Each structure stands twice: as C-alpha cells, then as structure tokens.
Amino acid sequence: LHGSRKKGKANILLIGESIDVNTVETSAKEIRDKGFDLSYLTLTKQQYEQMSKMGLYSGEKNVLK
C-alpha cells in the first residue's frame, strides 16, 4: 500500500517477478465497479529498489501480504 490513506481510494505497488497482470486488472476492475478507486503498478524487486534509491517511493508505505 503506497501513499496516504484516503476514503474510497488506494494505491498499491505489486512487487515480484511473475505477476499475472491480466488477473490483477480483472480484480482491480471488479473492485472499481464496487465504487472503490484502486490504482496499481507492477514492478520487479530490482526496479522497486532502484526507484526507491532515487527517492521515487519515499512516501508512507504498508506491506500487505
């Protein structure tokens, strides 16, 4: 979970090597259809680490498992 908490909205970073984007998009669409705004971005661990070093993900984060 990335960023500050807002009612009815969440931003998530999905970090991994073999993430099925079609499944994620289907789930995100179902959630959006219920009135919750869900934005996501898929990254490999290396991409996330490099972007973090550059300060691109310096905001509030909560790890969801």
N, C-alpha and C. Protein backbone atom coordinates (compact mmCIF):
# COMPACT_ATOMS: atom_id res chain seq x y z
N LEU A 1 0.87 -1.17 0.00
CA LEU A 1 0.00 0.00 0.00
C LEU A 1 0.91 1.21 0.00
N HIS A 2 0.72 2.10 -0.97
CA HIS A 2 1.61 3.25 -1.11
C HIS A 2 0.81 4.54 -0.98
N GLY A 3 1.35 5.47 -0.23
CA GLY A 3 0.72 6.78 -0.08
C GLY A 3 -0.15 6.87 1.15
N SER A 4 -0.73 8.06 1.32
CA SER A 4 -1.56 8.29 2.49
C SER A 4 -2.93 7.64 2.31
N ARG A 5 -3.58 7.36 3.42
CA ARG A 5 -4.90 6.73 3.40
C ARG A 5 -5.95 7.76 3.01
N LYS A 6 -6.80 7.34 2.08
CA LYS A 6 -7.91 8.18 1.66
C LYS A 6 -9.15 7.30 1.55
N LYS A 7 -10.27 7.83 1.97
CA LYS A 7 -11.50 7.06 1.92
C LYS A 7 -11.87 6.74 0.47
N GLY A 8 -12.09 5.46 0.21
CA GLY A 8 -12.53 5.04 -1.11
C GLY A 8 -11.45 4.96 -2.17
N LYS A 9 -10.18 5.00 -1.75
CA LYS A 9 -9.09 5.00 -2.73
C LYS A 9 -7.84 4.37 -2.15
N ALA A 10 -7.12 3.61 -2.99
CA ALA A 10 -5.84 3.04 -2.56
C ALA A 10 -4.91 2.92 -3.76
N ASN A 11 -3.63 3.09 -3.48
CA ASN A 11 -2.58 2.89 -4.47
C ASN A 11 -1.72 1.73 -3.98
N ILE A 12 -1.49 0.74 -4.84
CA ILE A 12 -0.67 -0.38 -4.42
C ILE A 12 0.45 -0.62 -5.43
N LEU A 13 1.59 -1.02 -4.90
CA LEU A 13 2.72 -1.46 -5.71
C LEU A 13 2.80 -2.97 -5.57
N LEU A 14 2.78 -3.67 -6.68
CA LEU A 14 2.90 -5.12 -6.68
C LEU A 14 4.33 -5.44 -7.10
N ILE A 15 5.07 -6.07 -6.20
CA ILE A 15 6.49 -6.32 -6.45
C ILE A 15 6.73 -7.81 -6.57
N GLY A 16 7.26 -8.21 -7.73
CA GLY A 16 7.54 -9.62 -7.95
C GLY A 16 7.93 -9.88 -9.39
N GLU A 17 8.30 -11.11 -9.67
CA GLU A 17 8.79 -11.48 -10.99
C GLU A 17 7.72 -12.02 -11.94
N SER A 18 6.76 -12.73 -11.45
CA SER A 18 5.79 -13.42 -12.31
C SER A 18 4.36 -13.02 -11.97
N ILE A 19 4.09 -11.75 -11.96
CA ILE A 19 2.76 -11.26 -11.62
C ILE A 19 1.90 -11.30 -12.88
N ASP A 20 0.76 -11.95 -12.78
CA ASP A 20 -0.17 -12.05 -13.91
C ASP A 20 -1.00 -10.76 -13.96
N VAL A 21 -0.61 -9.87 -14.84
CA VAL A 21 -1.25 -8.55 -14.92
C VAL A 21 -2.73 -8.67 -15.33
N ASN A 22 -3.06 -9.65 -16.14
CA ASN A 22 -4.47 -9.82 -16.53
C ASN A 22 -5.35 -10.13 -15.33
N THR A 23 -4.87 -10.99 -14.44
CA THR A 23 -5.62 -11.32 -13.22
C THR A 23 -5.74 -10.10 -12.32
N VAL A 24 -4.65 -9.36 -12.19
CA VAL A 24 -4.66 -8.16 -11.36
C VAL A 24 -5.65 -7.14 -11.92
N GLU A 25 -5.63 -6.94 -13.22
CA GLU A 25 -6.54 -5.96 -13.84
C GLU A 25 -7.99 -6.37 -13.69
N THR A 26 -8.28 -7.65 -13.84
CA THR A 26 -9.64 -8.14 -13.65
C THR A 26 -10.11 -7.88 -12.22
N SER A 27 -9.26 -8.18 -11.25
CA SER A 27 -9.62 -7.95 -9.84
C SER A 27 -9.78 -6.46 -9.56
N ALA A 28 -8.86 -5.64 -10.09
CA ALA A 28 -8.95 -4.20 -9.87
C ALA A 28 -10.23 -3.63 -10.47
N LYS A 29 -10.62 -4.11 -11.65
CA LYS A 29 -11.85 -3.65 -12.28
C LYS A 29 -13.07 -4.02 -11.44
N GLU A 30 -13.09 -5.24 -10.90
CA GLU A 30 -14.21 -5.65 -10.04
C GLU A 30 -14.31 -4.75 -8.82
N ILE A 31 -13.17 -4.39 -8.26
CA ILE A 31 -13.15 -3.51 -7.08
C ILE A 31 -13.62 -2.11 -7.47
N ARG A 32 -13.15 -1.61 -8.61
CA ARG A 32 -13.58 -0.29 -9.08
C ARG A 32 -15.09 -0.25 -9.34
N ASP A 33 -15.62 -1.34 -9.89
CA ASP A 33 -17.05 -1.42 -10.17
C ASP A 33 -17.89 -1.35 -8.90
N LYS A 34 -17.30 -1.65 -7.76
CA LYS A 34 -17.99 -1.58 -6.47
C LYS A 34 -17.82 -0.21 -5.82
N GLY A 35 -17.17 0.72 -6.54
CA GLY A 35 -17.05 2.09 -6.05
C GLY A 35 -15.77 2.42 -5.32
N PHE A 36 -14.78 1.53 -5.36
CA PHE A 36 -13.51 1.80 -4.69
C PHE A 36 -12.45 2.02 -5.77
N ASP A 37 -11.77 3.16 -5.72
CA ASP A 37 -10.76 3.51 -6.72
C ASP A 37 -9.42 2.86 -6.35
N LEU A 38 -9.03 1.87 -7.13
CA LEU A 38 -7.78 1.14 -6.87
C LEU A 38 -6.82 1.36 -8.03
N SER A 39 -5.66 1.92 -7.72
CA SER A 39 -4.61 2.09 -8.71
C SER A 39 -3.46 1.18 -8.34
N TYR A 40 -2.82 0.58 -9.35
CA TYR A 40 -1.72 -0.34 -9.06
C TYR A 40 -0.61 -0.18 -10.08
N LEU A 41 0.56 -0.63 -9.67
CA LEU A 41 1.73 -0.64 -10.54
C LEU A 41 2.51 -1.90 -10.23
N THR A 42 2.90 -2.65 -11.27
CA THR A 42 3.70 -3.86 -11.06
C THR A 42 5.16 -3.54 -11.34
N LEU A 43 6.02 -4.01 -10.46
CA LEU A 43 7.47 -3.80 -10.57
C LEU A 43 8.21 -5.06 -10.17
N THR A 44 9.39 -5.25 -10.75
CA THR A 44 10.27 -6.30 -10.23
C THR A 44 10.93 -5.75 -8.96
N LYS A 45 11.50 -6.62 -8.17
CA LYS A 45 12.18 -6.18 -6.95
C LYS A 45 13.31 -5.21 -7.28
N GLN A 46 14.05 -5.50 -8.34
CA GLN A 46 15.16 -4.62 -8.74
C GLN A 46 14.65 -3.25 -9.15
N GLN A 47 13.57 -3.19 -9.92
CA GLN A 47 13.00 -1.91 -10.33
C GLN A 47 12.58 -1.10 -9.11
N TYR A 48 11.91 -1.76 -8.17
CA TYR A 48 11.45 -1.06 -6.97
C TYR A 48 12.64 -0.52 -6.17
N GLU A 49 13.65 -1.35 -5.99
CA GLU A 49 14.82 -0.92 -5.21
C GLU A 49 15.52 0.27 -5.87
N GLN A 50 15.69 0.23 -7.19
CA GLN A 50 16.33 1.34 -7.89
C GLN A 50 15.49 2.62 -7.79
N MET A 51 14.20 2.48 -7.96
CA MET A 51 13.34 3.65 -7.87
C MET A 51 13.29 4.21 -6.46
N SER A 52 13.35 3.34 -5.46
CA SER A 52 13.40 3.79 -4.07
C SER A 52 14.68 4.57 -3.80
N LYS A 53 15.78 4.07 -4.34
CA LYS A 53 17.07 4.77 -4.17
C LYS A 53 17.02 6.17 -4.78
N MET A 54 16.23 6.32 -5.83
CA MET A 54 16.09 7.62 -6.49
C MET A 54 15.10 8.52 -5.77
N GLY A 55 14.47 8.00 -4.72
CA GLY A 55 13.53 8.78 -3.93
C GLY A 55 12.12 8.83 -4.50
N LEU A 56 11.82 7.96 -5.45
CA LEU A 56 10.50 7.99 -6.09
C LEU A 56 9.42 7.38 -5.22
N TYR A 57 9.78 6.56 -4.27
CA TYR A 57 8.79 5.93 -3.38
C TYR A 57 9.13 6.22 -1.93
N SER A 58 9.25 7.50 -1.62
CA SER A 58 9.66 7.89 -0.28
C SER A 58 8.49 8.12 0.67
N GLY A 59 7.27 8.04 0.16
CA GLY A 59 6.10 8.31 0.99
C GLY A 59 5.76 7.16 1.94
N GLU A 60 4.62 7.29 2.57
CA GLU A 60 4.14 6.28 3.51
C GLU A 60 3.90 4.96 2.79
N LYS A 61 4.35 3.85 3.42
CA LYS A 61 4.17 2.51 2.84
C LYS A 61 3.73 1.54 3.91
N ASN A 62 2.86 0.60 3.54
CA ASN A 62 2.47 -0.51 4.40
C ASN A 62 2.55 -1.77 3.57
N VAL A 63 3.23 -2.79 4.09
CA VAL A 63 3.36 -4.04 3.35
C VAL A 63 2.12 -4.88 3.59
N LEU A 64 1.49 -5.30 2.49
CA LEU A 64 0.31 -6.16 2.54
C LEU A 64 0.73 -7.54 2.07
N LYS A 65 0.30 -8.57 2.77
CA LYS A 65 0.68 -9.94 2.36
C LYS A 65 -0.55 -10.76 2.12
